[in-house]
Amino acid sequence: MALVPIAKQGNFLHIYDFKIDPNHVEEFIRLFNEFDYSEANPMHKSPAQVKDGALVQDVADPTRFWLIGEWSDIEVHARIRKQFVEMKPAFIRYVVGGKFVPAYGKVVSATPQEILDRAQRQGAT
C-alpha cells in the first residue's frame, strides 16, 4: 500500500474536540454514522471537501472524540456548517454541553509524495 500524507500542504483541517454523555457512547456513534453516511449530510456534497472526516475516539477516555477532515476552503466549510446546525442531527443531543464547533488549522507542512514514494521503495528492498 502506498504511503500518502495525511493532508496536503495549503489545505485546512477542521478539528472538532468534544465529549459524549458516557451513558450514550454507542448510540452516539450509531447516530453519527447514520447521519454521516446519509444523503442528508451537506458536507459530502461540497467540492471543497478534500478528504472525508474521520471520527476518532480517545483510547484513554472513551467519552472524548475528535472529528477531523480536510478542506481546501474553510469559509465554504463554515457556510455549510450553518446548514448542518439548522438540521439538528440526532447525534448532537449526546454531545456534552451541546457544543459541536470546530477549530481550524492550516496545513503548513506535509511530506511531498515523491519523498514518501522513495522511502517506501527503499523500505521494500
N, C-alpha and C. Protein backbone atom coordinates (compact mmCIF):
# COMPACT_ATOMS: atom_id res chain seq x y z
N MET A 1 0.84 -1.18 0.00
CA MET A 1 0.00 0.00 0.00
C MET A 1 0.89 1.24 0.00
N ALA A 2 0.56 2.19 -0.83
CA ALA A 2 1.36 3.41 -0.94
C ALA A 2 1.18 4.29 0.29
N LEU A 3 2.27 4.91 0.70
CA LEU A 3 2.19 5.91 1.75
C LEU A 3 1.63 7.19 1.16
N VAL A 4 0.77 7.85 1.89
CA VAL A 4 0.24 9.14 1.45
C VAL A 4 0.23 10.08 2.65
N PRO A 5 0.45 11.38 2.41
CA PRO A 5 0.38 12.32 3.52
C PRO A 5 -1.04 12.39 4.06
N ILE A 6 -1.17 12.65 5.34
CA ILE A 6 -2.49 12.72 5.95
C ILE A 6 -3.29 13.92 5.43
N ALA A 7 -2.58 14.95 4.98
CA ALA A 7 -3.23 16.14 4.44
C ALA A 7 -2.25 16.84 3.51
N LYS A 8 -2.79 17.67 2.64
CA LYS A 8 -1.97 18.38 1.66
C LYS A 8 -1.62 19.78 2.17
N GLN A 9 -0.36 20.14 2.01
CA GLN A 9 0.09 21.47 2.42
C GLN A 9 -0.77 22.53 1.71
N GLY A 10 -1.21 23.52 2.50
CA GLY A 10 -2.04 24.59 1.96
C GLY A 10 -3.53 24.38 2.21
N ASN A 11 -3.92 23.13 2.47
CA ASN A 11 -5.32 22.86 2.80
C ASN A 11 -5.55 23.12 4.28
N PHE A 12 -6.75 22.86 4.72
CA PHE A 12 -7.15 23.13 6.10
C PHE A 12 -7.75 21.87 6.72
N LEU A 13 -7.55 21.71 8.01
CA LEU A 13 -8.21 20.65 8.75
C LEU A 13 -9.23 21.28 9.67
N HIS A 14 -10.41 20.67 9.74
CA HIS A 14 -11.33 21.03 10.81
C HIS A 14 -11.14 19.99 11.89
N ILE A 15 -11.08 20.44 13.12
CA ILE A 15 -10.88 19.53 14.24
C ILE A 15 -11.92 19.86 15.31
N TYR A 16 -12.87 18.96 15.43
CA TYR A 16 -13.88 19.07 16.49
C TYR A 16 -13.34 18.25 17.66
N ASP A 17 -13.38 18.80 18.85
CA ASP A 17 -12.90 18.13 20.06
C ASP A 17 -14.05 18.20 21.06
N PHE A 18 -14.64 17.05 21.39
CA PHE A 18 -15.85 17.08 22.21
C PHE A 18 -15.97 15.80 23.03
N LYS A 19 -16.84 15.87 24.03
CA LYS A 19 -17.13 14.72 24.89
C LYS A 19 -18.58 14.32 24.70
N ILE A 20 -18.83 13.04 24.94
CA ILE A 20 -20.16 12.45 24.80
C ILE A 20 -20.65 11.98 26.16
N ASP A 21 -21.94 12.08 26.35
CA ASP A 21 -22.58 11.53 27.56
C ASP A 21 -22.12 10.08 27.71
N PRO A 22 -21.50 9.73 28.84
CA PRO A 22 -20.96 8.38 29.00
C PRO A 22 -21.99 7.26 28.91
N ASN A 23 -23.25 7.58 29.13
CA ASN A 23 -24.30 6.56 29.04
C ASN A 23 -24.79 6.33 27.62
N HIS A 24 -24.26 7.10 26.65
CA HIS A 24 -24.78 7.00 25.29
C HIS A 24 -23.68 6.97 24.22
N VAL A 25 -22.52 6.47 24.54
CA VAL A 25 -21.41 6.47 23.60
C VAL A 25 -21.74 5.66 22.35
N GLU A 26 -22.21 4.44 22.53
CA GLU A 26 -22.51 3.59 21.37
C GLU A 26 -23.66 4.16 20.54
N GLU A 27 -24.67 4.71 21.20
CA GLU A 27 -25.80 5.32 20.50
C GLU A 27 -25.32 6.55 19.71
N PHE A 28 -24.42 7.33 20.31
CA PHE A 28 -23.85 8.47 19.60
C PHE A 28 -23.17 8.01 18.31
N ILE A 29 -22.31 7.00 18.41
CA ILE A 29 -21.59 6.51 17.22
C ILE A 29 -22.58 6.03 16.17
N ARG A 30 -23.59 5.29 16.58
CA ARG A 30 -24.59 4.79 15.63
C ARG A 30 -25.30 5.94 14.92
N LEU A 31 -25.76 6.93 15.70
CA LEU A 31 -26.48 8.06 15.11
C LEU A 31 -25.55 8.93 14.26
N PHE A 32 -24.31 9.08 14.69
CA PHE A 32 -23.35 9.84 13.88
C PHE A 32 -23.18 9.18 12.52
N ASN A 33 -22.93 7.88 12.52
CA ASN A 33 -22.73 7.16 11.26
C ASN A 33 -23.98 7.20 10.39
N GLU A 34 -25.13 7.05 11.01
CA GLU A 34 -26.39 7.10 10.27
C GLU A 34 -26.52 8.43 9.52
N PHE A 35 -26.22 9.53 10.20
CA PHE A 35 -26.30 10.84 9.55
C PHE A 35 -25.16 11.03 8.56
N ASP A 36 -23.95 10.70 8.98
CA ASP A 36 -22.77 10.96 8.15
C ASP A 36 -22.85 10.22 6.82
N TYR A 37 -23.36 9.02 6.82
CA TYR A 37 -23.41 8.22 5.59
C TYR A 37 -24.67 8.47 4.77
N SER A 38 -25.52 9.36 5.24
CA SER A 38 -26.79 9.60 4.55
C SER A 38 -26.66 10.66 3.46
N GLU A 39 -27.65 10.69 2.60
CA GLU A 39 -27.73 11.72 1.55
C GLU A 39 -27.98 13.10 2.16
N ALA A 40 -28.45 13.15 3.39
CA ALA A 40 -28.78 14.42 4.03
C ALA A 40 -27.54 15.22 4.44
N ASN A 41 -26.39 14.57 4.56
CA ASN A 41 -25.19 15.25 5.03
C ASN A 41 -24.69 16.25 3.98
N PRO A 42 -24.80 17.55 4.26
CA PRO A 42 -24.40 18.55 3.26
C PRO A 42 -22.89 18.64 3.06
N MET A 43 -22.12 18.16 4.01
CA MET A 43 -20.66 18.26 3.88
C MET A 43 -20.14 17.45 2.70
N HIS A 44 -20.74 16.30 2.44
CA HIS A 44 -20.25 15.42 1.38
C HIS A 44 -20.56 15.93 -0.02
N LYS A 45 -21.33 16.98 -0.11
CA LYS A 45 -21.74 17.49 -1.42
C LYS A 45 -20.86 18.63 -1.92
N SER A 46 -19.86 19.01 -1.14
CA SER A 46 -19.02 20.15 -1.50
C SER A 46 -17.71 19.72 -2.14
N PRO A 47 -17.35 20.33 -3.26
CA PRO A 47 -16.04 20.04 -3.85
C PRO A 47 -14.88 20.57 -3.00
N ALA A 48 -15.17 21.43 -2.02
CA ALA A 48 -14.13 21.94 -1.13
C ALA A 48 -13.70 20.90 -0.10
N GLN A 49 -14.49 19.84 0.05
CA GLN A 49 -14.09 18.76 0.97
C GLN A 49 -13.08 17.89 0.23
N VAL A 50 -11.84 17.89 0.72
CA VAL A 50 -10.75 17.16 0.07
C VAL A 50 -10.75 15.70 0.51
N LYS A 51 -10.81 15.50 1.82
CA LYS A 51 -10.88 14.15 2.39
C LYS A 51 -11.99 14.14 3.40
N ASP A 52 -12.78 13.09 3.35
CA ASP A 52 -13.89 12.95 4.28
C ASP A 52 -13.34 12.87 5.70
N GLY A 53 -14.15 13.29 6.63
CA GLY A 53 -13.74 13.30 8.02
C GLY A 53 -13.60 11.90 8.61
N ALA A 54 -12.84 11.83 9.68
CA ALA A 54 -12.70 10.60 10.45
C ALA A 54 -13.11 10.92 11.88
N LEU A 55 -14.00 10.10 12.43
CA LEU A 55 -14.40 10.22 13.83
C LEU A 55 -13.43 9.37 14.63
N VAL A 56 -12.74 9.98 15.59
CA VAL A 56 -11.68 9.33 16.35
C VAL A 56 -12.04 9.34 17.82
N GLN A 57 -11.97 8.16 18.46
CA GLN A 57 -12.28 8.03 19.89
C GLN A 57 -10.98 7.94 20.68
N ASP A 58 -10.88 8.72 21.73
CA ASP A 58 -9.71 8.73 22.61
C ASP A 58 -9.59 7.37 23.31
N VAL A 59 -8.43 6.74 23.20
CA VAL A 59 -8.26 5.43 23.84
C VAL A 59 -8.15 5.55 25.36
N ALA A 60 -7.75 6.71 25.87
CA ALA A 60 -7.64 6.92 27.32
C ALA A 60 -8.96 7.35 27.94
N ASP A 61 -9.84 7.96 27.15
CA ASP A 61 -11.13 8.44 27.64
C ASP A 61 -12.18 8.18 26.55
N PRO A 62 -12.91 7.07 26.65
CA PRO A 62 -13.85 6.70 25.59
C PRO A 62 -15.03 7.65 25.41
N THR A 63 -15.14 8.66 26.26
CA THR A 63 -16.20 9.66 26.07
C THR A 63 -15.70 10.86 25.27
N ARG A 64 -14.41 10.89 24.97
CA ARG A 64 -13.83 12.01 24.21
C ARG A 64 -13.62 11.59 22.76
N PHE A 65 -14.00 12.50 21.86
CA PHE A 65 -13.89 12.25 20.43
C PHE A 65 -13.29 13.45 19.72
N TRP A 66 -12.73 13.17 18.55
CA TRP A 66 -12.30 14.21 17.62
C TRP A 66 -12.91 13.85 16.27
N LEU A 67 -13.34 14.86 15.55
CA LEU A 67 -13.77 14.68 14.17
C LEU A 67 -12.84 15.55 13.34
N ILE A 68 -12.10 14.91 12.45
CA ILE A 68 -11.07 15.60 11.68
C ILE A 68 -11.33 15.38 10.20
N GLY A 69 -11.31 16.45 9.43
CA GLY A 69 -11.49 16.36 7.98
C GLY A 69 -10.64 17.41 7.29
N GLU A 70 -10.41 17.19 6.00
CA GLU A 70 -9.57 18.10 5.22
C GLU A 70 -10.40 18.84 4.19
N TRP A 71 -10.20 20.14 4.15
CA TRP A 71 -10.93 21.02 3.22
C TRP A 71 -9.96 21.96 2.52
N SER A 72 -10.30 22.34 1.31
CA SER A 72 -9.49 23.32 0.59
C SER A 72 -9.90 24.74 0.94
N ASP A 73 -11.09 24.90 1.52
CA ASP A 73 -11.61 26.25 1.81
C ASP A 73 -12.42 26.19 3.10
N ILE A 74 -11.91 26.81 4.17
CA ILE A 74 -12.63 26.75 5.44
C ILE A 74 -13.84 27.67 5.46
N GLU A 75 -13.86 28.68 4.62
CA GLU A 75 -15.05 29.54 4.55
C GLU A 75 -16.23 28.76 4.00
N VAL A 76 -15.98 27.90 3.02
CA VAL A 76 -17.04 27.04 2.49
C VAL A 76 -17.51 26.10 3.59
N HIS A 77 -16.58 25.51 4.33
CA HIS A 77 -16.95 24.61 5.42
C HIS A 77 -17.82 25.35 6.43
N ALA A 78 -17.43 26.56 6.80
CA ALA A 78 -18.19 27.34 7.79
C ALA A 78 -19.61 27.63 7.29
N ARG A 79 -19.76 27.93 6.01
CA ARG A 79 -21.11 28.18 5.45
C ARG A 79 -21.96 26.91 5.49
N ILE A 80 -21.38 25.80 5.10
CA ILE A 80 -22.12 24.54 5.11
C ILE A 80 -22.43 24.13 6.54
N ARG A 81 -21.52 24.43 7.46
CA ARG A 81 -21.74 24.11 8.86
C ARG A 81 -23.00 24.79 9.40
N LYS A 82 -23.29 25.99 8.92
CA LYS A 82 -24.52 26.67 9.33
C LYS A 82 -25.75 25.87 8.92
N GLN A 83 -25.74 25.30 7.72
CA GLN A 83 -26.84 24.43 7.27
C GLN A 83 -26.93 23.21 8.19
N PHE A 84 -25.78 22.64 8.48
CA PHE A 84 -25.70 21.47 9.34
C PHE A 84 -26.32 21.74 10.70
N VAL A 85 -25.99 22.89 11.30
CA VAL A 85 -26.52 23.26 12.62
C VAL A 85 -28.04 23.36 12.57
N GLU A 86 -28.57 23.96 11.51
CA GLU A 86 -30.01 24.10 11.36
C GLU A 86 -30.71 22.75 11.23
N MET A 87 -30.01 21.75 10.73
CA MET A 87 -30.59 20.42 10.56
C MET A 87 -30.78 19.70 11.90
N LYS A 88 -30.02 20.09 12.91
CA LYS A 88 -30.08 19.48 14.24
C LYS A 88 -30.00 17.94 14.18
N PRO A 89 -28.88 17.40 13.69
CA PRO A 89 -28.74 15.94 13.64
C PRO A 89 -28.92 15.32 15.03
N ALA A 90 -29.52 14.15 15.06
CA ALA A 90 -29.86 13.49 16.32
C ALA A 90 -28.65 13.22 17.21
N PHE A 91 -27.49 12.95 16.63
CA PHE A 91 -26.33 12.61 17.45
C PHE A 91 -25.86 13.76 18.34
N ILE A 92 -26.19 15.00 17.96
CA ILE A 92 -25.75 16.17 18.73
C ILE A 92 -26.29 16.16 20.16
N ARG A 93 -27.44 15.54 20.37
CA ARG A 93 -28.03 15.55 21.72
C ARG A 93 -27.14 14.87 22.76
N TYR A 94 -26.20 14.03 22.31
CA TYR A 94 -25.32 13.34 23.24
C TYR A 94 -23.98 14.05 23.45
N VAL A 95 -23.76 15.16 22.76
CA VAL A 95 -22.54 15.94 22.95
C VAL A 95 -22.68 16.72 24.26
N VAL A 96 -21.77 16.50 25.18
CA VAL A 96 -21.82 17.18 26.48
C VAL A 96 -21.72 18.69 26.25
N GLY A 97 -22.68 19.41 26.80
CA GLY A 97 -22.71 20.86 26.64
C GLY A 97 -23.28 21.32 25.32
N GLY A 98 -23.54 20.38 24.41
CA GLY A 98 -24.13 20.71 23.12
C GLY A 98 -23.21 21.46 22.17
N LYS A 99 -21.95 21.66 22.57
CA LYS A 99 -21.02 22.44 21.74
C LYS A 99 -20.32 21.51 20.74
N PHE A 100 -20.60 21.75 19.46
CA PHE A 100 -20.01 20.95 18.38
C PHE A 100 -19.47 21.94 17.34
N VAL A 101 -18.35 22.57 17.72
CA VAL A 101 -17.78 23.66 16.92
C VAL A 101 -16.32 23.32 16.64
N PRO A 102 -15.89 23.42 15.38
CA PRO A 102 -14.51 23.05 15.08
C PRO A 102 -13.51 24.16 15.34
N ALA A 103 -12.28 23.74 15.53
CA ALA A 103 -11.13 24.63 15.39
C ALA A 103 -10.61 24.36 13.98
N TYR A 104 -10.02 25.35 13.36
CA TYR A 104 -9.47 25.18 12.02
C TYR A 104 -7.96 25.33 12.07
N GLY A 105 -7.28 24.49 11.34
CA GLY A 105 -5.83 24.58 11.24
C GLY A 105 -5.40 24.53 9.79
N LYS A 106 -4.41 25.32 9.45
CA LYS A 106 -3.86 25.31 8.09
C LYS A 106 -2.69 24.33 8.06
N VAL A 107 -2.66 23.47 7.06
CA VAL A 107 -1.57 22.51 6.90
C VAL A 107 -0.37 23.28 6.34
N VAL A 108 0.65 23.44 7.16
CA VAL A 108 1.82 24.22 6.76
C VAL A 108 3.02 23.34 6.38
N SER A 109 2.91 22.05 6.65
CA SER A 109 3.96 21.12 6.24
C SER A 109 3.34 19.75 6.09
N ALA A 110 3.63 19.12 4.97
CA ALA A 110 3.19 17.75 4.71
C ALA A 110 4.24 17.13 3.79
N THR A 111 4.64 15.92 4.08
CA THR A 111 5.70 15.28 3.30
C THR A 111 5.28 15.16 1.84
N PRO A 112 6.11 15.66 0.92
CA PRO A 112 5.78 15.53 -0.50
C PRO A 112 5.68 14.06 -0.92
N GLN A 113 4.77 13.78 -1.82
CA GLN A 113 4.51 12.40 -2.24
C GLN A 113 5.76 11.71 -2.77
N GLU A 114 6.61 12.42 -3.51
CA GLU A 114 7.80 11.77 -4.07
C GLU A 114 8.75 11.28 -2.98
N ILE A 115 8.80 11.96 -1.85
CA ILE A 115 9.64 11.52 -0.73
C ILE A 115 9.04 10.27 -0.10
N LEU A 116 7.73 10.24 0.06
CA LEU A 116 7.07 9.05 0.60
C LEU A 116 7.26 7.85 -0.33
N ASP A 117 7.13 8.09 -1.63
CA ASP A 117 7.31 7.01 -2.60
C ASP A 117 8.73 6.46 -2.54
N ARG A 118 9.71 7.34 -2.45
CA ARG A 118 11.11 6.92 -2.39
C ARG A 118 11.36 6.13 -1.10
N ALA A 119 10.84 6.60 0.01
CA ALA A 119 11.02 5.89 1.28
C ALA A 119 10.41 4.50 1.23
N GLN A 120 9.26 4.40 0.59
CA GLN A 120 8.61 3.10 0.51
C GLN A 120 9.41 2.15 -0.39
N ARG A 121 9.94 2.66 -1.50
CA ARG A 121 10.76 1.82 -2.39
C ARG A 121 12.01 1.34 -1.65
N GLN A 122 12.64 2.22 -0.89
CA GLN A 122 13.85 1.85 -0.16
C GLN A 122 13.54 0.84 0.94
N GLY A 123 12.37 0.95 1.54
CA GLY A 123 11.98 0.01 2.60
C GLY A 123 11.61 -1.36 2.07
N ALA A 124 11.26 -1.43 0.79
CA ALA A 124 10.83 -2.70 0.19
C ALA A 124 12.01 -3.53 -0.28
N THR A 125 13.20 -2.94 -0.28
CA THR A 125 14.35 -3.69 -0.80
C THR A 125 15.11 -4.40 0.29
